[in-house]
Amino acid sequence: MCADGKVEALSDALQATVAAWKSRIPAPLPLELYTSSTFIGLFVEEEVAEVLKGFAADFATEAAAKADVRVEPHKKQLHVTLAYHFQAGHLPVLEKLAKNVDVSSGCDWLAVLFSRDIRFANHETLQVMYPYAPQNDDELELVPGDFIFMSAVEQSSASEGWLYGTSLGTGLSGLLPENYVNRADESDTWVVHGSHSVLNCASPSSSGSSVAASLFDGKLSDSLLDSLMDPCSLAGICPLQVSRPMSSSSLSKMRLFVCRHGERMDVVFGKHWVAQCFDSKGRYIRSNLNMPPSLPARSGGHRDYDKDCPITVFGSTQARLVGEALLESHAAIDFVYCSPSLRCVQTAQHILQGLQQDGKTKIRVEPGLFEWTKWVSGTCLPTWIPPAELAADNLSVDTTYRPHVPISKLAVSESYDTYISRSFQVTREILAECNNLGQSHAVCFELHVSNTNSTELTACVECSLPLSHRKHGPDRGPCFLPRGVHSPDSRPHPPKLQGLCPSCPKDSILGFLCL
């Protein structure tokens, strides 16, 4: 550990050590490729490794003399990790990529001094993706780009879908929605105190450039690392090796829009809305302008609406506006797969109306897309309106579609593992069905909160897509910004997602859309 007041002296110790060793470290550094079933990496040859250990020992001596800091001697083998903990089936491809790395061309090596907050040494690091304003006193405000430290032992006070963590930016602790953060590297929160080239060239931290000025700005950033590793300054040392992937021009692209249904009647008007809106003869009475003007007739009677409610007028407007937004972005939907719940079918219908595809694209009602059945109250599943009756009520439903998971296969109070397995199965089969047509397609899934507000269907989509269709780096497709929603009974679910992110690429492959 090093006190804050001795950091500058420690940085001077590193700079002095690098200056003394520059001419003694061979360039290029000889590296040997090592592969196993779970690890691929480059190891420093033993003779040169002893040289680097001597460099580390001298730095320890300088650190003790200049900053009164004790540095532990390095005992492990020096290496660069290329891949680890990968699936066994990926070994041949990864091994081939590793062998294509020309280690003889060499590169520059930097001795960089970092520090971290020791209080969070055993915490998981998360990065905030979306802003969040606290709704309760025990909640944490989230600012995009901030980092959250989370300890597993502190999660006993958090309900499902929520985490307890501490903000790097403010130092405050509290509850936060799990789906507003992503896992991050611990090194993203490290502080850079100095960087020095071990070759016989000007050290970045002493060159007087803008890079040097940014070395003491604090948190390690991508832009800083990009500046330190400027390809222009290294071109004479190590020619860039560009990995060129296989051409994907012949591969068809698939765009996915995963949507949640619009505002529902029972949430706005209460669970007894059916008793208030139907008379003794079963006739529907509209008592609020946010209630739909009419409702589809049900062969089982109006009491079936208790478990299978429609959406409100505002919910219809939400869906239509989403369709209009997609139309303005020149999107088109080729296939629509929908949960059998009426609220989902109606939402899909209004999205198609906004897209001006009403009547052109048919809705495929798929029971396998229904929510986790453990959330259904009572001892039986809802009685859904059959596709033929939906079509008779002027809903654009495909009456010839044969579901991948029929209603008879759904069980009341299914286990979570069964729900995950069902979601994976139906997603995989639907994507395979669309992909077999051999053209570029846009597919819309109309679902429930349990599918869209967590990672279940996302993971199923990722596993089911061909490798060329999966998300990579920043090319993640249209993403949607969050909105906090709380129900009267505390925090049963994390906040929902809403709104188009303008920074997403237009021609992205995979997209998520939630209402």
Protein backbone atom coordinates (compact mmCIF):
# COMPACT_ATOMS: atom_id res chain seq x y z
CA MET A 1 0.00 0.00 0.00
CA CYS A 2 1.11 3.55 -0.73
CA ALA A 3 -0.09 6.71 0.99
CA ASP A 4 -1.49 9.42 -1.28
CA GLY A 5 1.32 11.78 -0.37
CA LYS A 6 3.96 9.32 -1.60
CA VAL A 7 2.44 8.54 -5.01
CA GLU A 8 4.62 11.10 -6.80
CA ALA A 9 7.75 9.63 -5.22
CA LEU A 10 6.65 6.14 -6.26
CA SER A 11 6.14 7.37 -9.82
CA ASP A 12 9.64 8.85 -9.77
CA ALA A 13 10.97 5.48 -8.64
CA LEU A 14 9.36 3.77 -11.63
CA GLN A 15 10.70 6.37 -14.05
CA ALA A 16 14.22 6.03 -12.65
CA THR A 17 14.11 2.24 -12.90
CA VAL A 18 12.87 2.31 -16.51
CA ALA A 19 15.61 4.77 -17.47
CA ALA A 20 18.27 2.50 -15.97
CA TRP A 21 16.97 -0.65 -17.70
CA LYS A 22 16.00 0.59 -21.18
CA SER A 23 19.17 -0.63 -22.89
CA ARG A 24 19.11 -3.99 -21.07
CA ILE A 25 15.69 -5.27 -22.13
CA PRO A 26 15.81 -7.04 -25.52
CA ALA A 27 13.56 -5.91 -28.35
CA PRO A 28 11.56 -7.63 -29.60
CA LEU A 29 10.80 -9.48 -26.40
CA PRO A 30 10.99 -13.24 -27.17
CA LEU A 31 7.62 -14.90 -26.54
CA GLU A 32 6.56 -18.55 -26.74
CA LEU A 33 3.02 -19.69 -27.55
CA TYR A 34 1.44 -22.05 -25.02
CA THR A 35 -1.96 -23.71 -25.44
CA SER A 36 -4.04 -26.06 -23.31
CA SER A 37 -7.68 -27.08 -23.15
CA THR A 38 -8.57 -23.99 -21.09
CA PHE A 39 -5.76 -21.49 -21.70
CA ILE A 40 -3.92 -19.87 -24.61
CA GLY A 41 -1.13 -17.38 -23.98
CA LEU A 42 2.35 -16.09 -24.75
CA PHE A 43 5.08 -16.76 -22.18
CA VAL A 44 8.33 -14.84 -21.88
CA GLU A 45 11.35 -17.06 -22.50
CA GLU A 46 13.00 -18.07 -19.24
CA GLU A 47 16.31 -16.27 -19.85
CA VAL A 48 14.61 -12.96 -20.62
CA ALA A 49 12.12 -13.51 -17.80
CA GLU A 50 15.06 -13.37 -15.38
CA VAL A 51 15.99 -9.98 -16.85
CA LEU A 52 12.47 -8.66 -16.24
CA LYS A 53 12.50 -10.04 -12.71
CA GLY A 54 15.72 -8.11 -12.18
CA PHE A 55 13.93 -4.98 -13.40
CA ALA A 56 11.13 -5.64 -10.88
CA ALA A 57 13.63 -6.18 -8.08
CA ASP A 58 15.35 -2.87 -8.84
CA PHE A 59 11.98 -1.11 -8.86
CA ALA A 60 11.23 -2.60 -5.44
CA THR A 61 14.52 -1.20 -4.17
CA GLU A 62 13.82 2.25 -5.65
CA ALA A 63 10.26 2.22 -4.26
CA ALA A 64 11.53 1.48 -0.76
CA ALA A 65 14.18 4.17 -0.97
CA LYS A 66 12.16 6.97 -2.57
CA ALA A 67 8.61 6.32 -1.31
CA ASP A 68 9.06 3.96 1.64
CA VAL A 69 6.78 1.46 -0.13
CA ARG A 70 7.31 -2.29 0.02
CA VAL A 71 6.80 -4.01 -3.37
CA GLU A 72 6.27 -7.78 -3.38
CA PRO A 73 8.78 -9.62 -5.63
CA HIS A 74 7.24 -11.20 -8.74
CA LYS A 75 7.36 -15.01 -8.58
CA LYS A 76 4.87 -16.20 -11.22
CA GLN A 77 5.76 -16.89 -14.84
CA LEU A 78 5.52 -13.77 -16.97
CA HIS A 79 2.96 -14.16 -19.73
CA VAL A 80 0.29 -12.50 -21.85
CA THR A 81 -3.12 -14.20 -21.68
CA LEU A 82 -4.86 -14.44 -25.06
CA ALA A 83 -7.86 -16.60 -24.06
CA TYR A 84 -9.00 -18.65 -21.08
CA HIS A 85 -12.06 -20.47 -19.73
CA PHE A 86 -13.38 -20.89 -23.27
CA GLN A 87 -15.62 -23.68 -24.54
CA ALA A 88 -13.79 -26.78 -25.73
CA GLY A 89 -15.29 -26.47 -29.20
CA HIS A 90 -13.67 -23.05 -29.65
CA LEU A 91 -10.12 -24.34 -29.08
CA PRO A 92 -9.22 -25.08 -32.75
CA VAL A 93 -10.31 -21.62 -33.94
CA LEU A 94 -8.64 -19.79 -31.05
CA GLU A 95 -5.46 -21.80 -31.47
CA LYS A 96 -5.36 -20.94 -35.17
CA LEU A 97 -5.79 -17.24 -34.40
CA ALA A 98 -3.04 -17.37 -31.78
CA LYS A 99 -0.61 -19.01 -34.21
CA ASN A 100 -1.26 -16.20 -36.70
CA VAL A 101 0.14 -13.65 -34.24
CA ASP A 102 3.65 -12.79 -35.44
CA VAL A 103 5.52 -12.41 -32.16
CA SER A 104 8.81 -11.81 -34.02
CA SER A 105 7.62 -8.40 -35.23
CA GLY A 106 7.80 -7.10 -31.69
CA CYS A 107 6.00 -4.22 -30.01
CA ASP A 108 6.53 -1.53 -27.45
CA TRP A 109 6.10 -2.36 -23.76
CA LEU A 110 4.96 0.15 -21.18
CA ALA A 111 5.62 0.19 -17.47
CA VAL A 112 2.45 1.74 -16.06
CA LEU A 113 1.74 2.67 -12.45
CA PHE A 114 -1.88 2.15 -11.35
CA SER A 115 -3.71 2.39 -8.05
CA ARG A 116 -7.11 1.19 -6.84
CA ASP A 117 -9.36 1.71 -3.83
CA ILE A 118 -8.41 -1.08 -1.43
CA ARG A 119 -11.86 -0.92 0.21
CA PHE A 120 -13.37 -2.56 -2.87
CA ALA A 121 -10.67 -5.15 -3.50
CA ASN A 122 -13.08 -8.11 -3.23
CA HIS A 123 -16.07 -6.47 -4.91
CA GLU A 124 -17.52 -7.02 -8.36
CA THR A 125 -17.29 -3.98 -10.65
CA LEU A 126 -20.35 -2.85 -12.61
CA GLN A 127 -20.81 0.04 -15.04
CA VAL A 128 -23.98 2.15 -15.20
CA MET A 129 -25.64 1.98 -18.62
CA TYR A 130 -28.78 4.07 -18.04
CA PRO A 131 -29.73 7.00 -15.77
CA TYR A 132 -31.99 6.31 -12.82
CA ALA A 133 -33.60 8.71 -10.34
CA PRO A 134 -34.23 7.19 -6.89
CA GLN A 135 -37.87 6.49 -6.05
CA ASN A 136 -37.18 5.60 -2.40
CA ASP A 137 -34.72 6.77 0.25
CA ASP A 138 -32.70 3.55 0.13
CA GLU A 139 -32.09 3.71 -3.63
CA LEU A 140 -28.98 4.92 -5.41
CA GLU A 141 -28.97 7.54 -8.16
CA LEU A 142 -27.38 6.19 -11.34
CA VAL A 143 -25.39 8.28 -13.82
CA PRO A 144 -24.32 6.65 -17.11
CA GLY A 145 -20.60 5.92 -17.14
CA ASP A 146 -20.30 5.71 -13.35
CA PHE A 147 -19.05 2.50 -11.77
CA ILE A 148 -20.71 0.51 -8.99
CA PHE A 149 -18.88 -1.76 -6.54
CA MET A 150 -20.96 -4.73 -5.40
CA SER A 151 -20.20 -7.30 -2.73
CA ALA A 152 -22.00 -10.65 -2.67
CA VAL A 153 -22.28 -10.57 1.13
CA GLU A 154 -24.29 -7.31 0.98
CA GLN A 155 -27.07 -8.62 -1.26
CA SER A 156 -29.28 -10.05 1.50
CA SER A 157 -31.17 -6.75 1.76
CA ALA A 158 -31.90 -6.59 -1.99
CA SER A 159 -35.06 -8.07 -3.53
CA GLU A 160 -35.10 -9.96 -6.81
CA GLY A 161 -33.94 -7.81 -9.73
CA TRP A 162 -32.18 -5.32 -7.46
CA LEU A 163 -28.61 -4.99 -6.21
CA TYR A 164 -26.94 -3.21 -3.30
CA GLY A 165 -23.80 -1.34 -4.29
CA THR A 166 -21.56 1.69 -3.82
CA SER A 167 -21.01 4.39 -6.44
CA LEU A 168 -17.43 5.18 -7.43
CA GLY A 169 -18.40 8.73 -8.36
CA THR A 170 -20.28 9.72 -5.20
CA GLY A 171 -19.20 7.15 -2.62
CA LEU A 172 -22.86 6.64 -1.69
CA SER A 173 -24.41 3.20 -1.22
CA GLY A 174 -27.92 1.97 -1.95
CA LEU A 175 -30.20 -0.26 -4.00
CA LEU A 176 -30.17 -0.12 -7.79
CA PRO A 177 -32.02 -1.97 -10.58
CA GLU A 178 -29.96 -4.87 -11.89
CA ASN A 179 -30.81 -4.29 -15.55
CA TYR A 180 -29.40 -0.74 -15.50
CA VAL A 181 -25.81 -1.95 -15.10
CA ASN A 182 -23.41 -4.25 -16.92
CA ARG A 183 -20.44 -6.16 -15.64
CA ALA A 184 -17.19 -4.22 -16.12
CA ASP A 185 -13.48 -4.86 -15.73
CA GLU A 186 -12.00 -3.90 -12.38
CA SER A 187 -9.17 -2.17 -14.26
CA ASP A 188 -11.69 0.36 -15.62
CA THR A 189 -11.70 1.99 -12.17
CA TRP A 190 -7.94 2.06 -11.66
CA VAL A 191 -6.11 5.39 -11.47
CA VAL A 192 -3.13 5.96 -13.80
CA HIS A 193 -0.15 7.69 -12.17
CA GLY A 194 2.52 7.27 -14.83
CA SER A 195 3.46 5.39 -18.00
CA HIS A 196 6.97 4.81 -19.36
CA SER A 197 8.19 3.05 -22.50
CA VAL A 198 10.80 0.37 -21.79
CA LEU A 199 12.35 0.85 -25.26
CA ASN A 200 14.87 3.52 -26.19
CA CYS A 201 12.29 6.13 -27.11
CA ALA A 202 10.70 9.09 -25.37
CA SER A 203 8.53 8.11 -22.45
CA PRO A 204 4.91 9.17 -22.86
CA SER A 205 4.79 10.64 -19.39
CA SER A 206 7.80 12.85 -20.00
CA SER A 207 7.21 13.95 -23.57
CA GLY A 208 5.27 17.07 -22.68
CA SER A 209 2.40 16.00 -24.93
CA SER A 210 -1.28 16.05 -24.17
CA VAL A 211 -0.91 12.44 -23.11
CA ALA A 212 1.36 13.44 -20.27
CA ALA A 213 -1.13 16.02 -19.12
CA SER A 214 -3.84 13.40 -18.94
CA LEU A 215 -1.86 10.89 -16.91
CA PHE A 216 -2.92 12.44 -13.64
CA ASP A 217 -6.55 13.03 -14.52
CA GLY A 218 -7.53 10.04 -12.40
CA LYS A 219 -9.66 7.21 -13.70
CA LEU A 220 -8.21 5.03 -16.44
CA SER A 221 -10.03 5.71 -19.69
CA ASP A 222 -10.09 4.17 -23.14
CA SER A 223 -9.00 7.46 -24.68
CA LEU A 224 -5.94 7.56 -22.44
CA LEU A 225 -4.92 4.03 -23.36
CA ASP A 226 -5.53 4.83 -27.02
CA SER A 227 -3.18 7.81 -26.68
CA LEU A 228 -0.53 5.76 -24.89
CA MET A 229 -0.70 3.11 -27.59
CA ASP A 230 -0.89 5.47 -30.57
CA PRO A 231 -0.29 3.27 -33.65
CA CYS A 232 1.52 6.13 -35.43
CA SER A 233 4.23 6.25 -32.78
CA LEU A 234 4.68 2.47 -32.81
CA ALA A 235 4.58 1.88 -36.57
CA GLY A 236 8.35 1.75 -36.85
CA ILE A 237 8.63 -0.71 -33.99
CA CYS A 238 5.86 -3.19 -34.75
CA PRO A 239 3.90 -3.14 -38.02
CA LEU A 240 0.22 -3.51 -37.30
CA GLN A 241 -1.23 -6.98 -37.82
CA VAL A 242 -4.80 -6.75 -39.01
CA SER A 243 -7.05 -9.74 -38.49
CA ARG A 244 -9.39 -9.96 -41.47
CA PRO A 245 -12.54 -11.97 -40.78
CA MET A 246 -14.21 -14.06 -43.42
CA SER A 247 -16.38 -12.14 -45.81
CA SER A 248 -19.97 -12.00 -44.62
CA SER A 249 -21.41 -10.60 -47.82
CA SER A 250 -23.00 -13.95 -48.54
CA LEU A 251 -24.54 -14.22 -45.07
CA SER A 252 -28.09 -13.03 -44.57
CA LYS A 253 -28.72 -10.54 -41.79
CA MET A 254 -31.57 -10.85 -39.34
CA ARG A 255 -32.92 -7.91 -37.34
CA LEU A 256 -34.84 -8.73 -34.18
CA PHE A 257 -37.25 -6.45 -32.36
CA VAL A 258 -38.21 -7.77 -28.93
CA CYS A 259 -41.22 -5.89 -27.55
CA ARG A 260 -43.33 -5.82 -24.43
CA HIS A 261 -47.06 -5.16 -24.60
CA GLY A 262 -48.58 -1.73 -24.04
CA GLU A 263 -50.40 -0.38 -20.98
CA ARG A 264 -52.93 -2.94 -19.72
CA MET A 265 -56.42 -2.45 -18.35
CA ASP A 266 -56.04 -4.27 -15.03
CA VAL A 267 -52.97 -2.25 -14.06
CA VAL A 268 -54.70 1.09 -14.70
CA PHE A 269 -58.24 0.31 -13.52
CA GLY A 270 -57.56 -2.42 -10.97
CA LYS A 271 -58.08 -6.17 -10.93
CA HIS A 272 -61.88 -5.75 -10.55
CA TRP A 273 -62.26 -3.78 -13.78
CA VAL A 274 -64.27 -6.61 -15.41
CA ALA A 275 -66.99 -6.45 -12.77
CA GLN A 276 -67.18 -2.67 -13.20
CA CYS A 277 -67.26 -2.65 -17.01
CA PHE A 278 -69.79 -5.41 -17.78
CA ASP A 279 -73.46 -5.41 -16.88
CA SER A 280 -75.51 -8.39 -15.73
CA LYS A 281 -76.06 -9.47 -19.34
CA GLY A 282 -72.34 -9.43 -20.13
CA ARG A 283 -72.44 -6.24 -22.19
CA TYR A 284 -69.31 -4.06 -22.14
CA ILE A 285 -69.76 -0.52 -20.78
CA ARG A 286 -67.02 2.03 -21.40
CA SER A 287 -66.74 4.28 -18.35
CA ASN A 288 -63.41 6.01 -19.05
CA LEU A 289 -61.88 7.52 -22.17
CA ASN A 290 -58.74 5.43 -21.59
CA MET A 291 -60.83 2.28 -21.92
CA PRO A 292 -61.12 0.80 -25.44
CA PRO A 293 -64.38 1.67 -27.27
CA SER A 294 -65.14 -2.03 -27.75
CA LEU A 295 -63.77 -5.44 -26.85
CA PRO A 296 -63.58 -8.71 -28.82
CA ALA A 297 -66.37 -11.17 -28.10
CA ARG A 298 -65.28 -14.26 -26.17
CA SER A 299 -66.90 -17.65 -26.62
CA GLY A 300 -66.23 -18.44 -22.96
CA GLY A 301 -67.87 -15.25 -21.70
CA HIS A 302 -66.56 -11.94 -20.43
CA ARG A 303 -65.14 -13.47 -17.23
CA ASP A 304 -62.22 -14.75 -19.33
CA TYR A 305 -60.98 -11.15 -19.34
CA ASP A 306 -60.03 -11.59 -15.66
CA LYS A 307 -56.88 -13.45 -16.69
CA ASP A 308 -56.51 -12.16 -20.24
CA CYS A 309 -57.00 -8.41 -20.23
CA PRO A 310 -56.80 -6.00 -23.20
CA ILE A 311 -54.65 -2.88 -23.47
CA THR A 312 -55.90 0.64 -22.83
CA VAL A 313 -56.33 3.41 -25.39
CA PHE A 314 -53.00 4.80 -24.23
CA GLY A 315 -51.45 1.35 -24.66
CA SER A 316 -52.72 1.29 -28.25
CA THR A 317 -51.23 4.75 -28.81
CA GLN A 318 -47.90 3.60 -27.40
CA ALA A 319 -47.78 0.69 -29.81
CA ARG A 320 -48.85 2.74 -32.83
CA LEU A 321 -46.20 5.39 -32.11
CA VAL A 322 -43.56 2.69 -31.91
CA GLY A 323 -44.67 1.45 -35.31
CA GLU A 324 -44.53 4.98 -36.71
CA ALA A 325 -41.02 5.43 -35.30
CA LEU A 326 -39.92 2.22 -36.98
CA LEU A 327 -41.50 3.41 -40.23
CA GLU A 328 -39.61 6.71 -40.05
CA SER A 329 -36.36 4.77 -39.56
CA HIS A 330 -37.19 2.82 -42.74
CA ALA A 331 -37.66 -0.44 -40.85
CA ALA A 332 -39.95 -3.18 -42.08
CA ILE A 333 -41.15 -6.27 -40.25
CA ASP A 334 -41.24 -9.56 -42.14
CA PHE A 335 -42.52 -11.82 -39.36
CA VAL A 336 -44.36 -11.17 -36.10
CA TYR A 337 -44.41 -13.83 -33.37
CA CYS A 338 -46.68 -13.08 -30.47
CA SER A 339 -47.72 -14.44 -27.09
CA PRO A 340 -51.37 -15.65 -27.07
CA SER A 341 -52.30 -13.01 -24.49
CA LEU A 342 -54.77 -10.49 -25.91
CA ARG A 343 -52.69 -7.53 -24.72
CA CYS A 344 -49.74 -8.80 -26.77
CA VAL A 345 -51.80 -9.48 -29.89
CA GLN A 346 -53.36 -6.00 -29.71
CA THR A 347 -49.95 -4.37 -29.22
CA ALA A 348 -48.54 -6.21 -32.23
CA GLN A 349 -51.59 -5.15 -34.27
CA HIS A 350 -51.10 -1.45 -33.47
CA ILE A 351 -47.36 -1.61 -34.16
CA LEU A 352 -48.18 -2.99 -37.60
CA GLN A 353 -50.71 -0.19 -38.08
CA GLY A 354 -48.02 2.38 -37.28
CA LEU A 355 -45.72 0.62 -39.73
CA GLN A 356 -48.50 0.71 -42.35
CA GLN A 357 -48.24 -3.08 -42.60
CA ASP A 358 -51.65 -3.83 -41.15
CA GLY A 359 -53.15 -6.61 -43.25
CA LYS A 360 -49.87 -7.21 -45.09
CA THR A 361 -47.96 -8.93 -42.28
CA LYS A 362 -49.82 -11.55 -40.27
CA ILE A 363 -49.31 -12.11 -36.54
CA ARG A 364 -48.22 -15.64 -35.63
CA VAL A 365 -49.66 -16.51 -32.21
CA GLU A 366 -47.07 -18.63 -30.37
CA PRO A 367 -48.03 -19.99 -26.90
CA GLY A 368 -44.35 -20.76 -26.26
CA LEU A 369 -43.76 -17.00 -25.89
CA PHE A 370 -46.13 -16.70 -22.92
CA GLU A 371 -44.67 -15.41 -19.65
CA TRP A 372 -43.48 -17.55 -16.75
CA THR A 373 -46.61 -19.48 -15.78
CA LYS A 374 -45.75 -19.29 -12.09
CA TRP A 375 -46.89 -15.67 -12.28
CA VAL A 376 -50.42 -16.74 -13.24
CA SER A 377 -52.80 -16.65 -10.28
CA GLY A 378 -55.06 -19.59 -9.57
CA THR A 379 -54.82 -23.21 -10.64
CA CYS A 380 -55.35 -22.86 -14.38
CA LEU A 381 -53.92 -20.91 -17.30
CA PRO A 382 -55.86 -18.08 -18.97
CA THR A 383 -58.41 -19.00 -21.61
CA TRP A 384 -57.02 -17.23 -24.64
CA ILE A 385 -59.03 -16.19 -27.68
CA PRO A 386 -58.33 -18.68 -30.52
CA PRO A 387 -56.57 -17.27 -33.61
CA ALA A 388 -59.67 -17.83 -35.75
CA GLU A 389 -61.78 -15.68 -33.42
CA LEU A 390 -59.08 -13.00 -33.29
CA ALA A 391 -59.03 -12.89 -37.08
CA ALA A 392 -62.83 -12.67 -37.13
CA ASP A 393 -62.53 -9.60 -34.92
CA ASN A 394 -60.37 -7.88 -37.59
CA LEU A 395 -57.03 -8.61 -35.95
CA SER A 396 -54.33 -9.48 -38.49
CA VAL A 397 -53.67 -13.01 -37.20
CA ASP A 398 -52.27 -15.90 -39.24
CA THR A 399 -54.86 -18.66 -38.80
CA THR A 400 -52.69 -21.19 -40.68
CA TYR A 401 -49.72 -20.93 -38.32
CA ARG A 402 -48.84 -24.07 -36.35
CA PRO A 403 -47.23 -23.18 -32.98
CA HIS A 404 -43.87 -24.62 -31.97
CA VAL A 405 -45.14 -25.01 -28.40
CA PRO A 406 -48.89 -25.76 -28.31
CA ILE A 407 -51.03 -24.62 -25.40
CA SER A 408 -51.31 -28.22 -24.20
CA LYS A 409 -47.56 -28.21 -23.46
CA LEU A 410 -47.82 -25.28 -21.02
CA ALA A 411 -48.09 -26.21 -17.35
CA VAL A 412 -49.31 -24.14 -14.42
CA SER A 413 -46.60 -22.99 -11.99
CA GLU A 414 -43.75 -24.30 -14.14
CA SER A 415 -40.27 -24.25 -12.63
CA TYR A 416 -37.85 -21.52 -13.57
CA ASP A 417 -35.64 -24.04 -15.37
CA THR A 418 -38.64 -25.18 -17.41
CA TYR A 419 -39.43 -21.59 -18.33
CA ILE A 420 -35.85 -20.96 -19.46
CA SER A 421 -35.83 -24.19 -21.45
CA ARG A 422 -39.14 -23.32 -23.11
CA SER A 423 -37.97 -19.82 -24.01
CA PHE A 424 -34.78 -21.20 -25.50
CA GLN A 425 -36.56 -23.91 -27.46
CA VAL A 426 -39.17 -21.68 -29.05
CA THR A 427 -36.68 -18.90 -29.82
CA ARG A 428 -34.25 -21.29 -31.45
CA GLU A 429 -36.96 -22.90 -33.58
CA ILE A 430 -38.45 -19.57 -34.67
CA LEU A 431 -35.07 -18.16 -35.69
CA ALA A 432 -34.20 -21.34 -37.55
CA GLU A 433 -37.56 -21.18 -39.31
CA CYS A 434 -36.91 -17.62 -40.49
CA ASN A 435 -33.24 -18.19 -41.29
CA ASN A 436 -34.01 -21.18 -43.52
CA LEU A 437 -35.64 -18.81 -45.99
CA GLY A 438 -32.12 -17.61 -46.86
CA GLN A 439 -32.81 -13.87 -47.06
CA SER A 440 -32.45 -10.84 -44.82
CA HIS A 441 -35.40 -10.62 -42.44
CA ALA A 442 -36.72 -8.49 -39.61
CA VAL A 443 -38.53 -10.42 -36.89
CA CYS A 444 -40.66 -8.94 -34.11
CA PHE A 445 -41.30 -10.79 -30.82
CA GLU A 446 -44.28 -9.48 -28.84
CA LEU A 447 -43.85 -10.61 -25.24
CA HIS A 448 -44.27 -10.01 -21.51
CA VAL A 449 -42.15 -8.34 -18.84
CA SER A 450 -40.63 -11.65 -17.72
CA ASN A 451 -39.26 -12.14 -21.24
CA THR A 452 -38.14 -8.61 -22.08
CA ASN A 453 -37.15 -7.14 -18.73
CA SER A 454 -34.52 -9.74 -17.90
CA THR A 455 -31.82 -11.63 -19.69
CA GLU A 456 -33.70 -14.88 -20.35
CA LEU A 457 -34.91 -14.28 -23.90
CA THR A 458 -31.84 -12.19 -24.70
CA ALA A 459 -29.64 -15.15 -23.81
CA CYS A 460 -31.89 -17.47 -25.80
CA VAL A 461 -31.69 -15.19 -28.83
CA GLU A 462 -27.91 -14.94 -28.49
CA CYS A 463 -27.49 -18.71 -28.23
CA SER A 464 -29.89 -19.38 -31.09
CA LEU A 465 -28.46 -16.94 -33.61
CA PRO A 466 -25.72 -17.95 -36.04
CA LEU A 467 -22.34 -16.59 -34.96
CA SER A 468 -22.40 -13.94 -37.68
CA HIS A 469 -25.67 -12.56 -36.28
CA ARG A 470 -24.66 -12.21 -32.65
CA LYS A 471 -23.84 -8.98 -30.87
CA HIS A 472 -20.21 -7.88 -31.00
CA GLY A 473 -18.69 -4.76 -29.47
CA PRO A 474 -20.69 -1.57 -30.00
CA ASP A 475 -22.81 -2.98 -32.85
CA ARG A 476 -25.66 -4.00 -30.59
CA GLY A 477 -28.61 -2.67 -32.53
CA PRO A 478 -31.34 -0.30 -31.39
CA CYS A 479 -31.25 -0.10 -27.61
CA PHE A 480 -33.89 1.48 -25.42
CA LEU A 481 -33.44 3.74 -22.44
CA PRO A 482 -34.90 2.90 -19.03
CA ARG A 483 -37.76 4.23 -16.99
CA GLY A 484 -38.30 3.36 -13.33
CA VAL A 485 -41.67 1.83 -12.51
CA HIS A 486 -42.76 0.76 -9.05
CA SER A 487 -45.93 -1.07 -8.09
CA PRO A 488 -47.68 -0.57 -4.74
CA ASP A 489 -46.15 -3.73 -3.25
CA SER A 490 -42.59 -2.42 -2.88
CA ARG A 491 -40.20 -3.55 -5.65
CA PRO A 492 -41.39 -6.83 -7.20
CA HIS A 493 -39.67 -6.17 -10.54
CA PRO A 494 -36.80 -4.08 -11.86
CA PRO A 495 -37.68 -0.97 -13.89
CA LYS A 496 -38.93 -1.31 -17.45
CA LEU A 497 -37.13 -0.08 -20.56
CA GLN A 498 -38.43 2.62 -22.84
CA GLY A 499 -37.29 5.02 -25.58
CA LEU A 500 -34.96 4.80 -28.58
CA CYS A 501 -31.26 5.49 -28.07
CA PRO A 502 -30.09 7.88 -30.85
CA SER A 503 -26.49 6.68 -30.71
CA CYS A 504 -27.23 3.22 -32.09
CA PRO A 505 -26.21 2.28 -35.64
CA LYS A 506 -28.98 2.29 -38.25
CA ASP A 507 -28.07 -0.98 -39.93
CA SER A 508 -27.63 -3.00 -36.76
CA ILE A 509 -28.50 -6.66 -36.66
CA LEU A 510 -30.00 -7.16 -33.23
CA GLY A 511 -32.41 -4.80 -31.49
CA PHE A 512 -34.48 -4.63 -28.34
CA LEU A 513 -37.71 -2.72 -28.01
CA CYS A 514 -39.72 -2.59 -24.81
CA LEU A 515 -43.00 -0.87 -24.00
